ModelCIF file with pLDDT and N, C-alpha, C, O atoms, coordinates in Angstrom:
data_MODEL
#
_entry.id   MODEL 
#
_entity.id                         1 
_entity.type                       polymer 
_entity.pdbx_number_of_molecules   1 
#
_entity_poly.entity_id                      1 
_entity_poly.type                           'polypeptide(L)' 
_entity_poly.nstd_linkage                   no 
_entity_poly.nstd_monomer                   no 
_entity_poly.pdbx_seq_one_letter_code       
;(UNK)(UNK)(UNK)(UNK)(UNK)(UNK)(UNK)(UNK)(UNK)(UNK)(UNK)(UNK)(UNK)(UNK)(UNK)(UNK)
(UNK)(UNK)(UNK)(UNK)(UNK)(UNK)(UNK)(UNK)(UNK)(UNK)(UNK)(UNK)(UNK)(UNK)(UNK)(UNK)
(UNK)(UNK)(UNK)(UNK)(UNK)(UNK)(UNK)(UNK)(UNK)(UNK)(UNK)
;
_entity_poly.pdbx_seq_one_letter_code_can   XXXXXXXXXXXXXXXXXXXXXXXXXXXXXXXXXXXXXXXXXXX 
_entity_poly.pdbx_strand_id                 A 
#
loop_
_entity_poly_seq.entity_id 
_entity_poly_seq.num 
_entity_poly_seq.mon_id 
_entity_poly_seq.hetero 
1 1  UNK n 
1 2  UNK n 
1 3  UNK n 
1 4  UNK n 
1 5  UNK n 
1 6  UNK n 
1 7  UNK n 
1 8  UNK n 
1 9  UNK n 
1 10 UNK n 
1 11 UNK n 
1 12 UNK n 
1 13 UNK n 
1 14 UNK n 
1 15 UNK n 
1 16 UNK n 
1 17 UNK n 
1 18 UNK n 
1 19 UNK n 
1 20 UNK n 
1 21 UNK n 
1 22 UNK n 
1 23 UNK n 
1 24 UNK n 
1 25 UNK n 
1 26 UNK n 
1 27 UNK n 
1 28 UNK n 
1 29 UNK n 
1 30 UNK n 
1 31 UNK n 
1 32 UNK n 
1 33 UNK n 
1 34 UNK n 
1 35 UNK n 
1 36 UNK n 
1 37 UNK n 
1 38 UNK n 
1 39 UNK n 
1 40 UNK n 
1 41 UNK n 
1 42 UNK n 
1 43 UNK n 
#
_struct_asym.id          A 
_struct_asym.entity_id   1 
#
loop_
_ma_qa_metric.id 
_ma_qa_metric.mode 
_ma_qa_metric.name 
_ma_qa_metric.software_group_id 
_ma_qa_metric.type 
1 global pLDDT . pLDDT 
2 local  pLDDT . pLDDT 
#
_ma_qa_metric_global.metric_id      1 
_ma_qa_metric_global.metric_value   82.81 
_ma_qa_metric_global.model_id       1 
_ma_qa_metric_global.ordinal_id     1 
#
loop_
_ma_qa_metric_local.label_asym_id 
_ma_qa_metric_local.label_comp_id 
_ma_qa_metric_local.label_seq_id 
_ma_qa_metric_local.metric_id 
_ma_qa_metric_local.metric_value 
_ma_qa_metric_local.model_id 
_ma_qa_metric_local.ordinal_id 
A UNK 1  2 86.00 1 1  
A UNK 2  2 84.00 1 2  
A UNK 3  2 84.00 1 3  
A UNK 4  2 85.00 1 4  
A UNK 5  2 86.00 1 5  
A UNK 6  2 84.00 1 6  
A UNK 7  2 86.00 1 7  
A UNK 8  2 86.00 1 8  
A UNK 9  2 87.00 1 9  
A UNK 10 2 86.00 1 10 
A UNK 11 2 89.00 1 11 
A UNK 12 2 89.00 1 12 
A UNK 13 2 87.00 1 13 
A UNK 14 2 86.00 1 14 
A UNK 15 2 89.00 1 15 
A UNK 16 2 90.00 1 16 
A UNK 17 2 84.00 1 17 
A UNK 18 2 85.00 1 18 
A UNK 19 2 82.00 1 19 
A UNK 20 2 77.00 1 20 
A UNK 21 2 79.00 1 21 
A UNK 22 2 82.00 1 22 
A UNK 23 2 82.00 1 23 
A UNK 24 2 82.00 1 24 
A UNK 25 2 81.00 1 25 
A UNK 26 2 83.00 1 26 
A UNK 27 2 82.00 1 27 
A UNK 28 2 83.00 1 28 
A UNK 29 2 79.00 1 29 
A UNK 30 2 77.00 1 30 
A UNK 31 2 78.00 1 31 
A UNK 32 2 81.00 1 32 
A UNK 33 2 82.00 1 33 
A UNK 34 2 81.00 1 34 
A UNK 35 2 78.00 1 35 
A UNK 36 2 77.00 1 36 
A UNK 37 2 79.00 1 37 
A UNK 38 2 80.00 1 38 
A UNK 39 2 81.00 1 39 
A UNK 40 2 80.00 1 40 
A UNK 41 2 78.00 1 41 
A UNK 42 2 81.00 1 42 
A UNK 43 2 83.00 1 43 
#
loop_
_atom_site.group_PDB 
_atom_site.id 
_atom_site.type_symbol 
_atom_site.label_atom_id 
_atom_site.label_alt_id 
_atom_site.label_comp_id 
_atom_site.label_asym_id 
_atom_site.label_entity_id 
_atom_site.label_seq_id 
_atom_site.pdbx_PDB_ins_code 
_atom_site.Cartn_x 
_atom_site.Cartn_y 
_atom_site.Cartn_z 
_atom_site.occupancy 
_atom_site.B_iso_or_equiv 
_atom_site.pdbx_formal_charge 
_atom_site.auth_seq_id 
_atom_site.auth_comp_id 
_atom_site.auth_asym_id 
_atom_site.auth_atom_id 
_atom_site.pdbx_PDB_model_num 
ATOM 1   N N  . UNK A 1 1  ? 106.595 76.317  94.675  1.00 86.00 ? 1  UNK A N  1 
ATOM 2   C CA . UNK A 1 1  ? 108.015 76.068  94.391  1.00 86.00 ? 1  UNK A CA 1 
ATOM 3   C C  . UNK A 1 1  ? 108.783 77.365  94.091  1.00 86.00 ? 1  UNK A C  1 
ATOM 4   O O  . UNK A 1 1  ? 109.489 77.466  93.088  1.00 86.00 ? 1  UNK A O  1 
ATOM 5   N N  . UNK A 1 2  ? 108.631 78.344  94.975  1.00 84.00 ? 2  UNK A N  1 
ATOM 6   C CA . UNK A 1 2  ? 109.325 79.615  94.800  1.00 84.00 ? 2  UNK A CA 1 
ATOM 7   C C  . UNK A 1 2  ? 110.797 79.465  95.158  1.00 84.00 ? 2  UNK A C  1 
ATOM 8   O O  . UNK A 1 2  ? 111.139 78.792  96.130  1.00 84.00 ? 2  UNK A O  1 
ATOM 9   N N  . UNK A 1 3  ? 111.656 80.086  94.381  1.00 84.00 ? 3  UNK A N  1 
ATOM 10  C CA . UNK A 1 3  ? 113.093 79.930  94.585  1.00 84.00 ? 3  UNK A CA 1 
ATOM 11  C C  . UNK A 1 3  ? 113.763 81.188  95.130  1.00 84.00 ? 3  UNK A C  1 
ATOM 12  O O  . UNK A 1 3  ? 114.931 81.137  95.515  1.00 84.00 ? 3  UNK A O  1 
ATOM 13  N N  . UNK A 1 4  ? 113.056 82.312  95.171  1.00 85.00 ? 4  UNK A N  1 
ATOM 14  C CA . UNK A 1 4  ? 113.669 83.534  95.705  1.00 85.00 ? 4  UNK A CA 1 
ATOM 15  C C  . UNK A 1 4  ? 113.377 83.616  97.209  1.00 85.00 ? 4  UNK A C  1 
ATOM 16  O O  . UNK A 1 4  ? 112.446 82.977  97.698  1.00 85.00 ? 4  UNK A O  1 
ATOM 17  N N  . UNK A 1 5  ? 114.179 84.407  97.943  1.00 86.00 ? 5  UNK A N  1 
ATOM 18  C CA . UNK A 1 5  ? 114.003 84.479  99.399  1.00 86.00 ? 5  UNK A CA 1 
ATOM 19  C C  . UNK A 1 5  ? 112.651 85.085  99.794  1.00 86.00 ? 5  UNK A C  1 
ATOM 20  O O  . UNK A 1 5  ? 112.184 86.054  99.196  1.00 86.00 ? 5  UNK A O  1 
ATOM 21  N N  . UNK A 1 6  ? 112.044 84.490  100.810 1.00 84.00 ? 6  UNK A N  1 
ATOM 22  C CA . UNK A 1 6  ? 110.810 84.995  101.407 1.00 84.00 ? 6  UNK A CA 1 
ATOM 23  C C  . UNK A 1 6  ? 111.163 85.348  102.856 1.00 84.00 ? 6  UNK A C  1 
ATOM 24  O O  . UNK A 1 6  ? 111.477 84.465  103.655 1.00 84.00 ? 6  UNK A O  1 
ATOM 25  N N  . UNK A 1 7  ? 111.109 86.624  103.185 1.00 86.00 ? 7  UNK A N  1 
ATOM 26  C CA . UNK A 1 7  ? 111.504 87.075  104.511 1.00 86.00 ? 7  UNK A CA 1 
ATOM 27  C C  . UNK A 1 7  ? 110.288 87.352  105.382 1.00 86.00 ? 7  UNK A C  1 
ATOM 28  O O  . UNK A 1 7  ? 109.343 87.996  104.926 1.00 86.00 ? 7  UNK A O  1 
ATOM 29  N N  . UNK A 1 8  ? 110.290 86.876  106.636 1.00 86.00 ? 8  UNK A N  1 
ATOM 30  C CA . UNK A 1 8  ? 109.193 87.244  107.543 1.00 86.00 ? 8  UNK A CA 1 
ATOM 31  C C  . UNK A 1 8  ? 109.316 88.734  107.856 1.00 86.00 ? 8  UNK A C  1 
ATOM 32  O O  . UNK A 1 8  ? 110.336 89.175  108.385 1.00 86.00 ? 8  UNK A O  1 
ATOM 33  N N  . UNK A 1 9  ? 108.279 89.510  107.530 1.00 87.00 ? 9  UNK A N  1 
ATOM 34  C CA . UNK A 1 9  ? 108.422 90.965  107.643 1.00 87.00 ? 9  UNK A CA 1 
ATOM 35  C C  . UNK A 1 9  ? 107.127 91.659  108.040 1.00 87.00 ? 9  UNK A C  1 
ATOM 36  O O  . UNK A 1 9  ? 106.891 92.793  107.624 1.00 87.00 ? 9  UNK A O  1 
ATOM 37  N N  . UNK A 1 10 ? 106.298 91.019  108.820 1.00 86.00 ? 10 UNK A N  1 
ATOM 38  C CA . UNK A 1 10 ? 105.020 91.623  109.193 1.00 86.00 ? 10 UNK A CA 1 
ATOM 39  C C  . UNK A 1 10 ? 105.217 92.984  109.862 1.00 86.00 ? 10 UNK A C  1 
ATOM 40  O O  . UNK A 1 10 ? 104.641 93.979  109.422 1.00 86.00 ? 10 UNK A O  1 
ATOM 41  N N  . UNK A 1 11 ? 106.023 93.030  110.915 1.00 89.00 ? 11 UNK A N  1 
ATOM 42  C CA . UNK A 1 11 ? 106.231 94.291  111.644 1.00 89.00 ? 11 UNK A CA 1 
ATOM 43  C C  . UNK A 1 11 ? 106.884 95.352  110.765 1.00 89.00 ? 11 UNK A C  1 
ATOM 44  O O  . UNK A 1 11 ? 106.498 96.520  110.804 1.00 89.00 ? 11 UNK A O  1 
ATOM 45  N N  . UNK A 1 12 ? 107.869 94.945  109.976 1.00 89.00 ? 12 UNK A N  1 
ATOM 46  C CA . UNK A 1 12 ? 108.561 95.890  109.096 1.00 89.00 ? 12 UNK A CA 1 
ATOM 47  C C  . UNK A 1 12 ? 107.611 96.455  108.031 1.00 89.00 ? 12 UNK A C  1 
ATOM 48  O O  . UNK A 1 12 ? 107.576 97.663  107.800 1.00 89.00 ? 12 UNK A O  1 
ATOM 49  N N  . UNK A 1 13 ? 106.851 95.576  107.392 1.00 87.00 ? 13 UNK A N  1 
ATOM 50  C CA . UNK A 1 13 ? 105.963 96.010  106.312 1.00 87.00 ? 13 UNK A CA 1 
ATOM 51  C C  . UNK A 1 13 ? 104.819 96.872  106.831 1.00 87.00 ? 13 UNK A C  1 
ATOM 52  O O  . UNK A 1 13 ? 104.498 97.898  106.232 1.00 87.00 ? 13 UNK A O  1 
ATOM 53  N N  . UNK A 1 14 ? 104.207 96.472  107.928 1.00 86.00 ? 14 UNK A N  1 
ATOM 54  C CA . UNK A 1 14 ? 103.056 97.221  108.424 1.00 86.00 ? 14 UNK A CA 1 
ATOM 55  C C  . UNK A 1 14 ? 103.461 98.439  109.243 1.00 86.00 ? 14 UNK A C  1 
ATOM 56  O O  . UNK A 1 14 ? 102.762 99.452  109.236 1.00 86.00 ? 14 UNK A O  1 
ATOM 57  N N  . UNK A 1 15 ? 104.590 98.346  109.951 1.00 89.00 ? 15 UNK A N  1 
ATOM 58  C CA . UNK A 1 15 ? 105.016 99.465  110.800 1.00 89.00 ? 15 UNK A CA 1 
ATOM 59  C C  . UNK A 1 15 ? 105.897 100.471 110.088 1.00 89.00 ? 15 UNK A C  1 
ATOM 60  O O  . UNK A 1 15 ? 105.597 101.665 110.083 1.00 89.00 ? 15 UNK A O  1 
ATOM 61  N N  . UNK A 1 16 ? 106.970 100.008 109.493 1.00 90.00 ? 16 UNK A N  1 
ATOM 62  C CA . UNK A 1 16 ? 107.937 100.903 108.850 1.00 90.00 ? 16 UNK A CA 1 
ATOM 63  C C  . UNK A 1 16 ? 107.497 101.328 107.456 1.00 90.00 ? 16 UNK A C  1 
ATOM 64  O O  . UNK A 1 16 ? 107.505 102.515 107.132 1.00 90.00 ? 16 UNK A O  1 
ATOM 65  N N  . UNK A 1 17 ? 107.111 100.353 106.629 1.00 84.00 ? 17 UNK A N  1 
ATOM 66  C CA . UNK A 1 17 ? 106.745 100.659 105.246 1.00 84.00 ? 17 UNK A CA 1 
ATOM 67  C C  . UNK A 1 17 ? 105.298 101.128 105.102 1.00 84.00 ? 17 UNK A C  1 
ATOM 68  O O  . UNK A 1 17 ? 104.930 101.706 104.080 1.00 84.00 ? 17 UNK A O  1 
ATOM 69  N N  . UNK A 1 18 ? 104.486 100.881 106.114 1.00 85.00 ? 18 UNK A N  1 
ATOM 70  C CA . UNK A 1 18 ? 103.057 101.253 106.093 1.00 85.00 ? 18 UNK A CA 1 
ATOM 71  C C  . UNK A 1 18 ? 102.319 100.616 104.916 1.00 85.00 ? 18 UNK A C  1 
ATOM 72  O O  . UNK A 1 18 ? 101.498 101.264 104.267 1.00 85.00 ? 18 UNK A O  1 
ATOM 73  N N  . UNK A 1 19 ? 102.616 99.343  104.645 1.00 82.00 ? 19 UNK A N  1 
ATOM 74  C CA . UNK A 1 19 ? 101.958 98.599  103.575 1.00 82.00 ? 19 UNK A CA 1 
ATOM 75  C C  . UNK A 1 19 ? 100.516 98.338  103.994 1.00 82.00 ? 19 UNK A C  1 
ATOM 76  O O  . UNK A 1 19 ? 100.261 97.727  105.032 1.00 82.00 ? 19 UNK A O  1 
ATOM 77  N N  . UNK A 1 20 ? 99.580  98.805  103.182 1.00 77.00 ? 20 UNK A N  1 
ATOM 78  C CA . UNK A 1 20 ? 98.163  98.625  103.481 1.00 77.00 ? 20 UNK A CA 1 
ATOM 79  C C  . UNK A 1 20 ? 97.485  97.674  102.512 1.00 77.00 ? 20 UNK A C  1 
ATOM 80  O O  . UNK A 1 20 ? 96.396  97.178  102.797 1.00 77.00 ? 20 UNK A O  1 
ATOM 81  N N  . UNK A 1 21 ? 98.107  97.413  101.376 1.00 79.00 ? 21 UNK A N  1 
ATOM 82  C CA . UNK A 1 21 ? 97.516  96.494  100.405 1.00 79.00 ? 21 UNK A CA 1 
ATOM 83  C C  . UNK A 1 21 ? 98.602  95.625  99.803  1.00 79.00 ? 21 UNK A C  1 
ATOM 84  O O  . UNK A 1 21 ? 99.756  96.038  99.689  1.00 79.00 ? 21 UNK A O  1 
ATOM 85  N N  . UNK A 1 22 ? 98.218  94.411  99.418  1.00 82.00 ? 22 UNK A N  1 
ATOM 86  C CA . UNK A 1 22 ? 99.171  93.485  98.812  1.00 82.00 ? 22 UNK A CA 1 
ATOM 87  C C  . UNK A 1 22 ? 98.520  92.857  97.598  1.00 82.00 ? 22 UNK A C  1 
ATOM 88  O O  . UNK A 1 22 ? 97.291  92.840  97.526  1.00 82.00 ? 22 UNK A O  1 
ATOM 89  N N  . UNK A 1 23 ? 99.257  92.349  96.660  1.00 82.00 ? 23 UNK A N  1 
ATOM 90  C CA . UNK A 1 23 ? 100.718 92.430  96.590  1.00 82.00 ? 23 UNK A CA 1 
ATOM 91  C C  . UNK A 1 23 ? 101.187 93.795  96.116  1.00 82.00 ? 23 UNK A C  1 
ATOM 92  O O  . UNK A 1 23 ? 100.463 94.526  95.441  1.00 82.00 ? 23 UNK A O  1 
ATOM 93  N N  . UNK A 1 24 ? 102.411 94.113  96.484  1.00 82.00 ? 24 UNK A N  1 
ATOM 94  C CA . UNK A 1 24 ? 103.085 95.303  95.984  1.00 82.00 ? 24 UNK A CA 1 
ATOM 95  C C  . UNK A 1 24 ? 104.375 94.850  95.329  1.00 82.00 ? 24 UNK A C  1 
ATOM 96  O O  . UNK A 1 24 ? 105.026 93.916  95.797  1.00 82.00 ? 24 UNK A O  1 
ATOM 97  N N  . UNK A 1 25 ? 104.735 95.507  94.262  1.00 81.00 ? 25 UNK A N  1 
ATOM 98  C CA . UNK A 1 25 ? 105.953 95.174  93.519  1.00 81.00 ? 25 UNK A CA 1 
ATOM 99  C C  . UNK A 1 25 ? 106.797 96.430  93.435  1.00 81.00 ? 25 UNK A C  1 
ATOM 100 O O  . UNK A 1 25 ? 106.337 97.466  92.957  1.00 81.00 ? 25 UNK A O  1 
ATOM 101 N N  . UNK A 1 26 ? 108.016 96.338  93.893  1.00 83.00 ? 26 UNK A N  1 
ATOM 102 C CA . UNK A 1 26 ? 108.915 97.482  93.888  1.00 83.00 ? 26 UNK A CA 1 
ATOM 103 C C  . UNK A 1 26 ? 110.155 97.132  93.088  1.00 83.00 ? 26 UNK A C  1 
ATOM 104 O O  . UNK A 1 26 ? 110.649 96.007  93.145  1.00 83.00 ? 26 UNK A O  1 
ATOM 105 N N  . UNK A 1 27 ? 110.651 98.105  92.343  1.00 82.00 ? 27 UNK A N  1 
ATOM 106 C CA . UNK A 1 27 ? 111.955 97.989  91.708  1.00 82.00 ? 27 UNK A CA 1 
ATOM 107 C C  . UNK A 1 27 ? 112.823 99.035  92.378  1.00 82.00 ? 27 UNK A C  1 
ATOM 108 O O  . UNK A 1 27 ? 112.532 100.231 92.336  1.00 82.00 ? 27 UNK A O  1 
ATOM 109 N N  . UNK A 1 28 ? 113.893 98.564  92.995  1.00 83.00 ? 28 UNK A N  1 
ATOM 110 C CA . UNK A 1 28 ? 114.800 99.435  93.734  1.00 83.00 ? 28 UNK A CA 1 
ATOM 111 C C  . UNK A 1 28 ? 116.071 99.573  92.922  1.00 83.00 ? 28 UNK A C  1 
ATOM 112 O O  . UNK A 1 28 ? 116.655 98.575  92.500  1.00 83.00 ? 28 UNK A O  1 
ATOM 113 N N  . UNK A 1 29 ? 116.503 100.807 92.699  1.00 79.00 ? 29 UNK A N  1 
ATOM 114 C CA . UNK A 1 29 ? 117.701 101.072 91.909  1.00 79.00 ? 29 UNK A CA 1 
ATOM 115 C C  . UNK A 1 29 ? 118.969 100.704 92.643  1.00 79.00 ? 29 UNK A C  1 
ATOM 116 O O  . UNK A 1 29 ? 118.924 100.295 93.803  1.00 79.00 ? 29 UNK A O  1 
ATOM 117 N N  . UNK A 1 30 ? 120.109 100.849 91.971  1.00 77.00 ? 30 UNK A N  1 
ATOM 118 C CA . UNK A 1 30 ? 121.389 100.421 92.549  1.00 77.00 ? 30 UNK A CA 1 
ATOM 119 C C  . UNK A 1 30 ? 121.801 101.184 93.797  1.00 77.00 ? 30 UNK A C  1 
ATOM 120 O O  . UNK A 1 30 ? 122.694 100.731 94.512  1.00 77.00 ? 30 UNK A O  1 
ATOM 121 N N  . UNK A 1 31 ? 121.184 102.328 94.088  1.00 78.00 ? 31 UNK A N  1 
ATOM 122 C CA . UNK A 1 31 ? 121.543 103.097 95.281  1.00 78.00 ? 31 UNK A CA 1 
ATOM 123 C C  . UNK A 1 31 ? 120.495 102.969 96.383  1.00 78.00 ? 31 UNK A C  1 
ATOM 124 O O  . UNK A 1 31 ? 120.486 103.750 97.335  1.00 78.00 ? 31 UNK A O  1 
ATOM 125 N N  . UNK A 1 32 ? 119.608 101.974 96.247  1.00 81.00 ? 32 UNK A N  1 
ATOM 126 C CA . UNK A 1 32 ? 118.614 101.716 97.278  1.00 81.00 ? 32 UNK A CA 1 
ATOM 127 C C  . UNK A 1 32 ? 117.386 102.604 97.210  1.00 81.00 ? 32 UNK A C  1 
ATOM 128 O O  . UNK A 1 32 ? 116.595 102.621 98.153  1.00 81.00 ? 32 UNK A O  1 
ATOM 129 N N  . UNK A 1 33 ? 117.202 103.336 96.134  1.00 82.00 ? 33 UNK A N  1 
ATOM 130 C CA . UNK A 1 33 ? 116.046 104.214 95.983  1.00 82.00 ? 33 UNK A CA 1 
ATOM 131 C C  . UNK A 1 33 ? 114.942 103.461 95.251  1.00 82.00 ? 33 UNK A C  1 
ATOM 132 O O  . UNK A 1 33 ? 115.187 102.849 94.211  1.00 82.00 ? 33 UNK A O  1 
ATOM 133 N N  . UNK A 1 34 ? 113.723 103.505 95.795  1.00 81.00 ? 34 UNK A N  1 
ATOM 134 C CA . UNK A 1 34 ? 112.581 102.884 95.124  1.00 81.00 ? 34 UNK A CA 1 
ATOM 135 C C  . UNK A 1 34 ? 112.312 103.690 93.868  1.00 81.00 ? 34 UNK A C  1 
ATOM 136 O O  . UNK A 1 34 ? 111.917 104.854 93.939  1.00 81.00 ? 34 UNK A O  1 
ATOM 137 N N  . UNK A 1 35 ? 112.527 103.070 92.721  1.00 78.00 ? 35 UNK A N  1 
ATOM 138 C CA . UNK A 1 35 ? 112.369 103.753 91.440  1.00 78.00 ? 35 UNK A CA 1 
ATOM 139 C C  . UNK A 1 35 ? 110.992 103.525 90.831  1.00 78.00 ? 35 UNK A C  1 
ATOM 140 O O  . UNK A 1 35 ? 110.454 104.417 90.175  1.00 78.00 ? 35 UNK A O  1 
ATOM 141 N N  . UNK A 1 36 ? 110.424 102.367 91.033  1.00 77.00 ? 36 UNK A N  1 
ATOM 142 C CA . UNK A 1 36 ? 109.119 102.037 90.466  1.00 77.00 ? 36 UNK A CA 1 
ATOM 143 C C  . UNK A 1 36 ? 108.330 101.242 91.490  1.00 77.00 ? 36 UNK A C  1 
ATOM 144 O O  . UNK A 1 36 ? 108.892 100.428 92.223  1.00 77.00 ? 36 UNK A O  1 
ATOM 145 N N  . UNK A 1 37 ? 107.033 101.477 91.538  1.00 79.00 ? 37 UNK A N  1 
ATOM 146 C CA . UNK A 1 37 ? 106.200 100.787 92.516  1.00 79.00 ? 37 UNK A CA 1 
ATOM 147 C C  . UNK A 1 37 ? 104.846 100.476 91.887  1.00 79.00 ? 37 UNK A C  1 
ATOM 148 O O  . UNK A 1 37 ? 104.260 101.315 91.204  1.00 79.00 ? 37 UNK A O  1 
ATOM 149 N N  . UNK A 1 38 ? 104.366 99.289  92.120  1.00 80.00 ? 38 UNK A N  1 
ATOM 150 C CA . UNK A 1 38 ? 103.049 98.905  91.629  1.00 80.00 ? 38 UNK A CA 1 
ATOM 151 C C  . UNK A 1 38 ? 102.313 98.107  92.678  1.00 80.00 ? 38 UNK A C  1 
ATOM 152 O O  . UNK A 1 38 ? 102.929 97.398  93.474  1.00 80.00 ? 38 UNK A O  1 
ATOM 153 N N  . UNK A 1 39 ? 101.010 98.216  92.683  1.00 81.00 ? 39 UNK A N  1 
ATOM 154 C CA . UNK A 1 39 ? 100.168 97.459  93.602  1.00 81.00 ? 39 UNK A CA 1 
ATOM 155 C C  . UNK A 1 39 ? 99.308  96.522  92.771  1.00 81.00 ? 39 UNK A C  1 
ATOM 156 O O  . UNK A 1 39 ? 98.702  96.935  91.782  1.00 81.00 ? 39 UNK A O  1 
ATOM 157 N N  . UNK A 1 40 ? 99.257  95.269  93.174  1.00 80.00 ? 40 UNK A N  1 
ATOM 158 C CA . UNK A 1 40 ? 98.418  94.303  92.490  1.00 80.00 ? 40 UNK A CA 1 
ATOM 159 C C  . UNK A 1 40 ? 99.203  93.394  91.568  1.00 80.00 ? 40 UNK A C  1 
ATOM 160 O O  . UNK A 1 40 ? 100.422 93.500  91.428  1.00 80.00 ? 40 UNK A O  1 
ATOM 161 N N  . UNK A 1 41 ? 98.468  92.514  90.956  1.00 78.00 ? 41 UNK A N  1 
ATOM 162 C CA . UNK A 1 41 ? 99.054  91.534  90.052  1.00 78.00 ? 41 UNK A CA 1 
ATOM 163 C C  . UNK A 1 41 ? 98.067  91.305  88.921  1.00 78.00 ? 41 UNK A C  1 
ATOM 164 O O  . UNK A 1 41 ? 96.857  91.260  89.142  1.00 78.00 ? 41 UNK A O  1 
ATOM 165 N N  . UNK A 1 42 ? 98.579  91.164  87.729  1.00 81.00 ? 42 UNK A N  1 
ATOM 166 C CA . UNK A 1 42 ? 97.769  90.908  86.547  1.00 81.00 ? 42 UNK A CA 1 
ATOM 167 C C  . UNK A 1 42 ? 98.313  89.615  85.931  1.00 81.00 ? 42 UNK A C  1 
ATOM 168 O O  . UNK A 1 42 ? 99.481  89.580  85.544  1.00 81.00 ? 42 UNK A O  1 
ATOM 169 N N  . UNK A 1 43 ? 97.512  88.560  85.828  1.00 83.00 ? 43 UNK A N  1 
ATOM 170 C CA . UNK A 1 43 ? 98.022  87.278  85.325  1.00 83.00 ? 43 UNK A CA 1 
ATOM 171 C C  . UNK A 1 43 ? 98.314  87.265  83.819  1.00 83.00 ? 43 UNK A C  1 
ATOM 172 O O  . UNK A 1 43 ? 98.746  86.245  83.283  1.00 83.00 ? 43 UNK A O  1 
#
């Protein structure tokens, strides 16, 4: 029951972003700059 947008992004994530592991969590600042990045999830 997720309420936030889920975008199909296989080509973008693997080709442009070079995502090799998931999950990844990014916080992007107001000017579009990735300010914080984390890999993984801790329950």
